[in-house]
C-alpha cells in the first residue's frame, strides 16, 4: 500500500468519524467537579484527532502541519478527558 493510498484511506476514515464527534465541554466541567461522566466520547474524539494527525503526517508532497498541530492537541486533551472520566 502506497503512502498516497494510506493518506486517502485514513483521511476518509477521519472525515467520517469527525462528523460524529461533538464538543465535550460539559463532560470536562463534570469531571472537574468530581462527577464522573461517560468516558467514550472523549476517547472517540482522541481517536478521530489521531487519525487526522496520521493523515496530515502522510500527506504528500509535504506534511500538513495545519492538521497535525491542532489535532495533536486534540489527542492529548481527549486522552486526558478520557482518563479523568474513568
PDB file of N, CA and C in Angstrom:
ATOM      1  N   UNK A   1       0.845  -1.169   0.000  1.00  0.00           N
ATOM      2  CA  UNK A   1       0.000   0.000   0.000  1.00  0.00           C
ATOM      3  C   UNK A   1       0.899   1.243   0.000  1.00  0.00           C
ATOM      4  N   UNK A   2       0.655   2.143  -0.928  1.00  0.00           N
ATOM      5  CA  UNK A   2       1.491   3.336  -1.041  1.00  0.00           C
ATOM      6  C   UNK A   2       1.076   4.383  -0.005  1.00  0.00           C
ATOM      7  N   UNK A   3       1.955   5.362   0.185  1.00  0.00           N
ATOM      8  CA  UNK A   3       1.666   6.446   1.106  1.00  0.00           C
ATOM      9  C   UNK A   3       0.417   7.207   0.674  1.00  0.00           C
ATOM     10  N   UNK A   4       0.243   7.359  -0.625  1.00  0.00           N
ATOM     11  CA  UNK A   4      -0.911   8.077  -1.165  1.00  0.00           C
ATOM     12  C   UNK A   4      -2.210   7.323  -0.846  1.00  0.00           C
ATOM     13  N   UNK A   5      -2.202   6.006  -0.983  1.00  0.00           N
ATOM     14  CA  UNK A   5      -3.373   5.195  -0.672  1.00  0.00           C
ATOM     15  C   UNK A   5      -3.683   5.235   0.825  1.00  0.00           C
ATOM     16  N   UNK A   6      -2.632   5.171   1.647  1.00  0.00           N
ATOM     17  CA  UNK A   6      -2.806   5.258   3.099  1.00  0.00           C
ATOM     18  C   UNK A   6      -3.424   6.611   3.444  1.00  0.00           C
ATOM     19  N   UNK A   7      -2.906   7.661   2.824  1.00  0.00           N
ATOM     20  CA  UNK A   7      -3.403   9.010   3.061  1.00  0.00           C
ATOM     21  C   UNK A   7      -4.884   9.126   2.716  1.00  0.00           C
ATOM     22  N   UNK A   8      -5.292   8.603   1.583  1.00  0.00           N
ATOM     23  CA  UNK A   8      -6.690   8.657   1.162  1.00  0.00           C
ATOM     24  C   UNK A   8      -7.573   7.842   2.112  1.00  0.00           C
ATOM     25  N   UNK A   9      -7.130   6.658   2.471  1.00  0.00           N
ATOM     26  CA  UNK A   9      -7.881   5.779   3.369  1.00  0.00           C
ATOM     27  C   UNK A   9      -8.055   6.411   4.748  1.00  0.00           C
ATOM     28  N   UNK A  10      -6.954   6.875   5.336  1.00  0.00           N
ATOM     29  CA  UNK A  10      -7.000   7.459   6.671  1.00  0.00           C
ATOM     30  C   UNK A  10      -7.808   8.761   6.656  1.00  0.00           C
ATOM     31  N   UNK A  11      -7.649   9.577   5.616  1.00  0.00           N
ATOM     32  CA  UNK A  11      -8.405  10.818   5.502  1.00  0.00           C
ATOM     33  C   UNK A  11      -9.901  10.566   5.417  1.00  0.00           C
ATOM     34  N   UNK A  12     -10.282   9.537   4.699  1.00  0.00           N
ATOM     35  CA  UNK A  12     -11.700   9.195   4.582  1.00  0.00           C
ATOM     36  C   UNK A  12     -12.277   8.748   5.923  1.00  0.00           C
ATOM     37  N   UNK A  13     -11.533   7.936   6.651  1.00  0.00           N
ATOM     38  CA  UNK A  13     -11.975   7.489   7.968  1.00  0.00           C
ATOM     39  C   UNK A  13     -12.082   8.683   8.919  1.00  0.00           C
ATOM     40  N   UNK A  14     -11.078   9.548   8.901  1.00  0.00           N
ATOM     41  CA  UNK A  14     -11.083  10.724   9.769  1.00  0.00           C
ATOM     42  C   UNK A  14     -12.261  11.639   9.495  1.00  0.00           C
ATOM     43  N   UNK A  15     -12.565  11.857   8.230  1.00  0.00           N
ATOM     44  CA  UNK A  15     -13.703  12.713   7.871  1.00  0.00           C
ATOM     45  C   UNK A  15     -15.010  12.088   8.342  1.00  0.00           C
ATOM     46  N   UNK A  16     -15.146  10.783   8.197  1.00  0.00           N
ATOM     47  CA  UNK A  16     -16.359  10.080   8.625  1.00  0.00           C
ATOM     48  C   UNK A  16     -16.530  10.167  10.139  1.00  0.00           C
ATOM     49  N   UNK A  17     -15.476   9.877  10.882  1.00  0.00           N
ATOM     50  CA  UNK A  17     -15.537   9.911  12.342  1.00  0.00           C
ATOM     51  C   UNK A  17     -15.760  11.331  12.842  1.00  0.00           C
ATOM     52  N   UNK A  18     -15.147  12.317  12.192  1.00  0.00           N
ATOM     53  CA  UNK A  18     -15.266  13.706  12.615  1.00  0.00           C
ATOM     54  C   UNK A  18     -16.692  14.210  12.642  1.00  0.00           C
ATOM     55  N   UNK A  19     -17.549  13.652  11.805  1.00  0.00           N
ATOM     56  CA  UNK A  19     -18.953  14.052  11.779  1.00  0.00           C
ATOM     57  C   UNK A  19     -19.640  13.697  13.098  1.00  0.00           C
ATOM     58  N   UNK A  20     -19.213  12.630  13.742  1.00  0.00           N
ATOM     59  CA  UNK A  20     -19.874  12.142  14.944  1.00  0.00           C
ATOM     60  C   UNK A  20     -19.263  12.662  16.249  1.00  0.00           C
ATOM     61  N   UNK A  21     -18.185  13.416  16.158  1.00  0.00           N
ATOM     62  CA  UNK A  21     -17.523  13.932  17.352  1.00  0.00           C
ATOM     63  C   UNK A  21     -18.135  15.283  17.715  1.00  0.00           C
ATOM     64  N   UNK A  22     -18.658  15.371  18.947  1.00  0.00           N
ATOM     65  CA  UNK A  22     -19.238  16.630  19.411  1.00  0.00           C
ATOM     66  C   UNK A  22     -18.403  17.175  20.569  1.00  0.00           C
ATOM     67  N   UNK A  23     -18.603  18.438  20.883  1.00  0.00           N
ATOM     68  CA  UNK A  23     -17.846  19.071  21.966  1.00  0.00           C
ATOM     69  C   UNK A  23     -18.139  18.388  23.292  1.00  0.00           C
ATOM     70  N   UNK A  24     -17.131  18.232  24.105  1.00  0.00           N
ATOM     71  CA  UNK A  24     -17.311  17.567  25.400  1.00  0.00           C
ATOM     72  C   UNK A  24     -17.007  18.504  26.565  1.00  0.00           C
ATOM     73  N   UNK A  25     -17.292  19.786  26.386  1.00  0.00           N
ATOM     74  CA  UNK A  25     -17.089  20.760  27.451  1.00  0.00           C
ATOM     75  C   UNK A  25     -17.905  20.423  28.700  1.00  0.00           C
ATOM     76  N   UNK A  26     -19.186  20.050  28.575  1.00  0.00           N
ATOM     77  CA  UNK A  26     -19.927  19.685  29.791  1.00  0.00           C
ATOM     78  C   UNK A  26     -19.292  18.510  30.547  1.00  0.00           C
ATOM     79  N   UNK A  27     -18.681  17.607  29.838  1.00  0.00           N
ATOM     80  CA  UNK A  27     -18.037  16.473  30.499  1.00  0.00           C
ATOM     81  C   UNK A  27     -16.790  16.921  31.243  1.00  0.00           C
ATOM     82  N   UNK A  28     -16.033  17.824  30.650  1.00  0.00           N
ATOM     83  CA  UNK A  28     -14.838  18.339  31.328  1.00  0.00           C
ATOM     84  C   UNK A  28     -15.249  19.027  32.631  1.00  0.00           C
ATOM     85  N   UNK A  29     -16.299  19.844  32.568  1.00  0.00           N
ATOM     86  CA  UNK A  29     -16.789  20.534  33.764  1.00  0.00           C
ATOM     87  C   UNK A  29     -17.221  19.517  34.822  1.00  0.00           C
ATOM     88  N   UNK A  30     -17.961  18.493  34.409  1.00  0.00           N
ATOM     89  CA  UNK A  30     -18.411  17.459  35.353  1.00  0.00           C
ATOM     90  C   UNK A  30     -17.230  16.731  35.969  1.00  0.00           C
ATOM     91  N   UNK A  31     -16.238  16.399  35.157  1.00  0.00           N
ATOM     92  CA  UNK A  31     -15.056  15.712  35.678  1.00  0.00           C
ATOM     93  C   UNK A  31     -14.326  16.576  36.704  1.00  0.00           C
ATOM     94  N   UNK A  32     -14.205  17.869  36.416  1.00  0.00           N
ATOM     95  CA  UNK A  32     -13.512  18.768  37.336  1.00  0.00           C
ATOM     96  C   UNK A  32     -14.280  18.942  38.636  1.00  0.00           C
ATOM     97  N   UNK A  33     -15.601  18.791  38.597  1.00  0.00           N
ATOM     98  CA  UNK A  33     -16.429  18.898  39.802  1.00  0.00           C
ATOM     99  C   UNK A  33     -16.519  17.568  40.555  1.00  0.00           C
ATOM    100  N   UNK A  34     -15.868  16.548  40.038  1.00  0.00           N
ATOM    101  CA  UNK A  34     -15.865  15.252  40.708  1.00  0.00           C
ATOM    102  C   UNK A  34     -16.991  14.332  40.293  1.00  0.00           C
ATOM    103  N   UNK A  35     -17.843  14.775  39.377  1.00  0.00           N
ATOM    104  CA  UNK A  35     -18.934  13.942  38.876  1.00  0.00           C
ATOM    105  C   UNK A  35     -18.439  13.287  37.591  1.00  0.00           C
ATOM    106  N   UNK A  36     -18.107  12.021  37.682  1.00  0.00           N
ATOM    107  CA  UNK A  36     -17.549  11.326  36.537  1.00  0.00           C
ATOM    108  C   UNK A  36     -18.622  11.082  35.477  1.00  0.00           C
ATOM    109  N   UNK A  37     -18.319  11.426  34.265  1.00  0.00           N
ATOM    110  CA  UNK A  37     -19.225  11.222  33.138  1.00  0.00           C
ATOM    111  C   UNK A  37     -18.716  10.054  32.306  1.00  0.00           C
ATOM    112  N   UNK A  38     -19.470   9.673  31.300  1.00  0.00           N
ATOM    113  CA  UNK A  38     -19.050   8.549  30.454  1.00  0.00           C
ATOM    114  C   UNK A  38     -17.746   8.898  29.725  1.00  0.00           C
ATOM    115  N   UNK A  39     -16.824   7.959  29.619  1.00  0.00           N
ATOM    116  CA  UNK A  39     -15.510   8.246  29.038  1.00  0.00           C
ATOM    117  C   UNK A  39     -15.408   8.035  27.525  1.00  0.00           C
ATOM    118  N   UNK A  40     -16.450   7.523  26.883  1.00  0.00           N
ATOM    119  CA  UNK A  40     -16.287   7.096  25.494  1.00  0.00           C
ATOM    120  C   UNK A  40     -16.223   8.232  24.484  1.00  0.00           C
ATOM    121  N   UNK A  41     -16.971   9.305  24.676  1.00  0.00           N
ATOM    122  CA  UNK A  41     -16.940  10.404  23.706  1.00  0.00           C
ATOM    123  C   UNK A  41     -15.550  11.024  23.604  1.00  0.00           C
ATOM    124  N   UNK A  42     -14.885  11.366  24.730  1.00  0.00           N
ATOM    125  CA  UNK A  42     -13.542  11.923  24.582  1.00  0.00           C
ATOM    126  C   UNK A  42     -12.544  10.913  24.013  1.00  0.00           C
ATOM    127  N   UNK A  43     -12.763   9.634  24.287  1.00  0.00           N
ATOM    128  CA  UNK A  43     -11.899   8.617  23.685  1.00  0.00           C
ATOM    129  C   UNK A  43     -12.039   8.632  22.164  1.00  0.00           C
ATOM    130  N   UNK A  44     -13.287   8.685  21.670  1.00  0.00           N
ATOM    131  CA  UNK A  44     -13.506   8.715  20.223  1.00  0.00           C
ATOM    132  C   UNK A  44     -12.997  10.019  19.612  1.00  0.00           C
ATOM    133  N   UNK A  45     -13.093  11.114  20.354  1.00  0.00           N
ATOM    134  CA  UNK A  45     -12.541  12.382  19.868  1.00  0.00           C
ATOM    135  C   UNK A  45     -11.026  12.278  19.722  1.00  0.00           C
ATOM    136  N   UNK A  46     -10.374  11.668  20.711  1.00  0.00           N
ATOM    137  CA  UNK A  46      -8.919  11.496  20.654  1.00  0.00           C
ATOM    138  C   UNK A  46      -8.523  10.601  19.486  1.00  0.00           C
ATOM    139  N   UNK A  47      -9.284   9.530  19.251  1.00  0.00           N
ATOM    140  CA  UNK A  47      -9.006   8.631  18.125  1.00  0.00           C
ATOM    141  C   UNK A  47      -9.198   9.364  16.800  1.00  0.00           C
ATOM    142  N   UNK A  48     -10.259  10.155  16.702  1.00  0.00           N
ATOM    143  CA  UNK A  48     -10.503  10.932  15.490  1.00  0.00           C
ATOM    144  C   UNK A  48      -9.344  11.891  15.225  1.00  0.00           C
ATOM    145  N   UNK A  49      -8.906  12.590  16.262  1.00  0.00           N
ATOM    146  CA  UNK A  49      -7.773  13.509  16.110  1.00  0.00           C
ATOM    147  C   UNK A  49      -6.507  12.763  15.708  1.00  0.00           C
ATOM    148  N   UNK A  50      -6.298  11.586  16.284  1.00  0.00           N
ATOM    149  CA  UNK A  50      -5.128  10.785  15.937  1.00  0.00           C
ATOM    150  C   UNK A  50      -5.153  10.407  14.454  1.00  0.00           C
ATOM    151  N   UNK A  51      -6.329  10.072  13.958  1.00  0.00           N
ATOM    152  CA  UNK A  51      -6.451   9.735  12.535  1.00  0.00           C
ATOM    153  C   UNK A  51      -6.095  10.941  11.670  1.00  0.00           C
ATOM    154  N   UNK A  52      -6.531  12.135  12.082  1.00  0.00           N
ATOM    155  CA  UNK A  52      -6.183  13.339  11.321  1.00  0.00           C
ATOM    156  C   UNK A  52      -4.693  13.651  11.406  1.00  0.00           C
ATOM    157  N   UNK A  53      -4.061  13.359  12.544  1.00  0.00           N
ATOM    158  CA  UNK A  53      -2.609  13.540  12.659  1.00  0.00           C
ATOM    159  C   UNK A  53      -1.901  12.616  11.676  1.00  0.00           C
ATOM    160  N   UNK A  54      -2.314  11.361  11.611  1.00  0.00           N
ATOM    161  CA  UNK A  54      -1.717  10.410  10.671  1.00  0.00           C
ATOM    162  C   UNK A  54      -1.931  10.877   9.237  1.00  0.00           C
ATOM    163  N   UNK A  55      -3.140  11.337   8.944  1.00  0.00           N
ATOM    164  CA  UNK A  55      -3.448  11.847   7.605  1.00  0.00           C
ATOM    165  C   UNK A  55      -2.529  13.018   7.249  1.00  0.00           C
ATOM    166  N   UNK A  56      -2.408  13.982   8.146  1.00  0.00           N
ATOM    167  CA  UNK A  56      -1.546  15.137   7.887  1.00  0.00           C
ATOM    168  C   UNK A  56      -0.086  14.763   7.775  1.00  0.00           C
ATOM    169  N   UNK A  57       0.340  13.768   8.543  1.00  0.00           N
ATOM    170  CA  UNK A  57       1.743  13.325   8.527  1.00  0.00           C
ATOM    171  C   UNK A  57       2.084  12.614   7.216  1.00  0.00           C
ATOM    172  N   UNK A  58       1.116  11.878   6.651  1.00  0.00           N
ATOM    173  CA  UNK A  58       1.387  11.117   5.418  1.00  0.00           C
ATOM    174  C   UNK A  58       1.023  11.901   4.157  1.00  0.00           C
ATOM    175  N   UNK A  59       0.551  13.131   4.306  1.00  0.00           N
ATOM    176  CA  UNK A  59       0.155  13.958   3.165  1.00  0.00           C
ATOM    177  C   UNK A  59       1.364  14.218   2.279  1.00  0.00           C
ATOM    178  N   UNK A  60       1.152  14.078   0.977  1.00  0.00           N
ATOM    179  CA  UNK A  60       2.227  14.344   0.017  1.00  0.00           C
ATOM    180  C   UNK A  60       1.836  15.495  -0.877  1.00  0.00           C
ATOM    181  N   UNK A  61       2.725  16.312  -1.311  1.00  0.00           N
ATOM    182  CA  UNK A  61       4.179  16.145  -1.266  1.00  0.00           C
ATOM    183  C   UNK A  61       4.813  16.584   0.053  1.00  0.00           C
ATOM    184  N   UNK A  62       4.056  17.231   0.946  1.00  0.00           N
ATOM    185  CA  UNK A  62       4.636  17.623   2.231  1.00  0.00           C
ATOM    186  C   UNK A  62       3.608  17.427   3.333  1.00  0.00           C
ATOM    187  N   UNK A  63       4.107  17.344   4.559  1.00  0.00           N
ATOM    188  CA  UNK A  63       3.236  17.158   5.716  1.00  0.00           C
ATOM    189  C   UNK A  63       2.292  18.357   5.848  1.00  0.00           C
ATOM    190  N   UNK A  64       1.085  18.107   6.351  1.00  0.00           N
ATOM    191  CA  UNK A  64       0.089  19.159   6.536  1.00  0.00           C
ATOM    192  C   UNK A  64       0.076  19.573   8.006  1.00  0.00           C
ATOM    193  N   UNK A  65       0.950  20.522   8.343  1.00  0.00           N
ATOM    194  CA  UNK A  65       1.109  20.943   9.731  1.00  0.00           C
ATOM    195  C   UNK A  65      -0.143  21.608  10.277  1.00  0.00           C
ATOM    196  N   UNK A  66      -0.970  22.176   9.408  1.00  0.00           N
ATOM    197  CA  UNK A  66      -2.211  22.802   9.851  1.00  0.00           C
ATOM    198  C   UNK A  66      -3.165  21.750  10.424  1.00  0.00           C
ATOM    199  N   UNK A  67      -3.093  20.540   9.944  1.00  0.00           N
ATOM    200  CA  UNK A  67      -3.870  19.434  10.511  1.00  0.00           C
ATOM    201  C   UNK A  67      -3.155  18.798  11.702  1.00  0.00           C
ATOM    202  N   UNK A  68      -1.860  18.652  11.602  1.00  0.00           N
ATOM    203  CA  UNK A  68      -1.094  17.921  12.615  1.00  0.00           C
ATOM    204  C   UNK A  68      -1.108  18.621  13.970  1.00  0.00           C
ATOM    205  N   UNK A  69      -0.806  19.908  13.981  1.00  0.00           N
ATOM    206  CA  UNK A  69      -0.628  20.619  15.253  1.00  0.00           C
ATOM    207  C   UNK A  69      -1.914  20.669  16.091  1.00  0.00           C
ATOM    208  N   UNK A  70      -3.038  21.159  15.559  1.00  0.00           N
ATOM    209  CA  UNK A  70      -4.229  21.210  16.423  1.00  0.00           C
ATOM    210  C   UNK A  70      -4.777  19.835  16.784  1.00  0.00           C
ATOM    211  N   UNK A  71      -4.639  18.874  15.879  1.00  0.00           N
ATOM    212  CA  UNK A  71      -5.154  17.542  16.186  1.00  0.00           C
ATOM    213  C   UNK A  71      -4.280  16.812  17.189  1.00  0.00           C
ATOM    214  N   UNK A  72      -3.004  17.154  17.254  1.00  0.00           N
ATOM    215  CA  UNK A  72      -2.145  16.604  18.306  1.00  0.00           C
ATOM    216  C   UNK A  72      -2.654  17.077  19.666  1.00  0.00           C
ATOM    217  N   UNK A  73      -3.037  18.349  19.740  1.00  0.00           N
ATOM    218  CA  UNK A  73      -3.630  18.859  20.981  1.00  0.00           C
ATOM    219  C   UNK A  73      -4.925  18.109  21.290  1.00  0.00           C
ATOM    220  N   UNK A  74      -5.724  17.798  20.268  1.00  0.00           N
ATOM    221  CA  UNK A  74      -6.957  17.043  20.459  1.00  0.00           C
ATOM    222  C   UNK A  74      -6.703  15.646  20.984  1.00  0.00           C
ATOM    223  N   UNK A  75      -5.635  15.014  20.507  1.00  0.00           N
ATOM    224  CA  UNK A  75      -5.271  13.680  21.005  1.00  0.00           C
ATOM    225  C   UNK A  75      -4.940  13.761  22.495  1.00  0.00           C
ATOM    226  N   UNK A  76      -4.146  14.749  22.853  1.00  0.00           N
ATOM    227  CA  UNK A  76      -3.717  14.886  24.246  1.00  0.00           C
ATOM    228  C   UNK A  76      -4.904  15.231  25.152  1.00  0.00           C
ATOM    229  N   UNK A  77      -5.680  16.266  24.763  1.00  0.00           N
ATOM    230  CA  UNK A  77      -6.794  16.698  25.610  1.00  0.00           C
ATOM    231  C   UNK A  77      -7.909  15.658  25.668  1.00  0.00           C
ATOM    232  N   UNK A  78      -8.207  15.028  24.542  1.00  0.00           N
ATOM    233  CA  UNK A  78      -9.211  13.964  24.543  1.00  0.00           C
ATOM    234  C   UNK A  78      -8.783  12.798  25.406  1.00  0.00           C
ATOM    235  N   UNK A  79      -7.494  12.454  25.322  1.00  0.00           N
ATOM    236  CA  UNK A  79      -6.965  11.371  26.153  1.00  0.00           C
ATOM    237  C   UNK A  79      -7.034  11.703  27.635  1.00  0.00           C
ATOM    238  N   UNK A  80      -6.676  12.942  27.981  1.00  0.00           N
ATOM    239  CA  UNK A  80      -6.749  13.362  29.383  1.00  0.00           C
ATOM    240  C   UNK A  80      -8.190  13.372  29.899  1.00  0.00           C
ATOM    241  N   UNK A  81      -9.114  13.832  29.048  1.00  0.00           N
ATOM    242  CA  UNK A  81     -10.508  13.832  29.460  1.00  0.00           C
ATOM    243  C   UNK A  81     -11.020  12.408  29.656  1.00  0.00           C
ATOM    244  N   UNK A  82     -10.614  11.511  28.762  1.00  0.00           N
ATOM    245  CA  UNK A  82     -10.969  10.099  28.904  1.00  0.00           C
ATOM    246  C   UNK A  82     -10.463   9.544  30.231  1.00  0.00           C
ATOM    247  N   UNK A  83      -9.194   9.820  30.524  1.00  0.00           N
ATOM    248  CA  UNK A  83      -8.614   9.286  31.758  1.00  0.00           C
ATOM    249  C   UNK A  83      -9.271   9.859  33.005  1.00  0.00           C
ATOM    250  N   UNK A  84      -9.608  11.158  32.986  1.00  0.00           N
ATOM    251  CA  UNK A  84     -10.235  11.740  34.168  1.00  0.00           C
ATOM    252  C   UNK A  84     -11.680  11.280  34.349  1.00  0.00           C
ATOM    253  N   UNK A  85     -12.283  10.768  33.276  1.00  0.00           N
ATOM    254  CA  UNK A  85     -13.669  10.288  33.369  1.00  0.00           C
ATOM    255  C   UNK A  85     -13.758   8.860  33.894  1.00  0.00           C
ATOM    256  N   UNK A  86     -12.632   8.184  33.993  1.00  0.00           N
ATOM    257  CA  UNK A  86     -12.663   6.790  34.472  1.00  0.00           C
ATOM    258  C   UNK A  86     -12.885   6.716  35.971  1.00  0.00           C
TER     259      UNK A  86
END
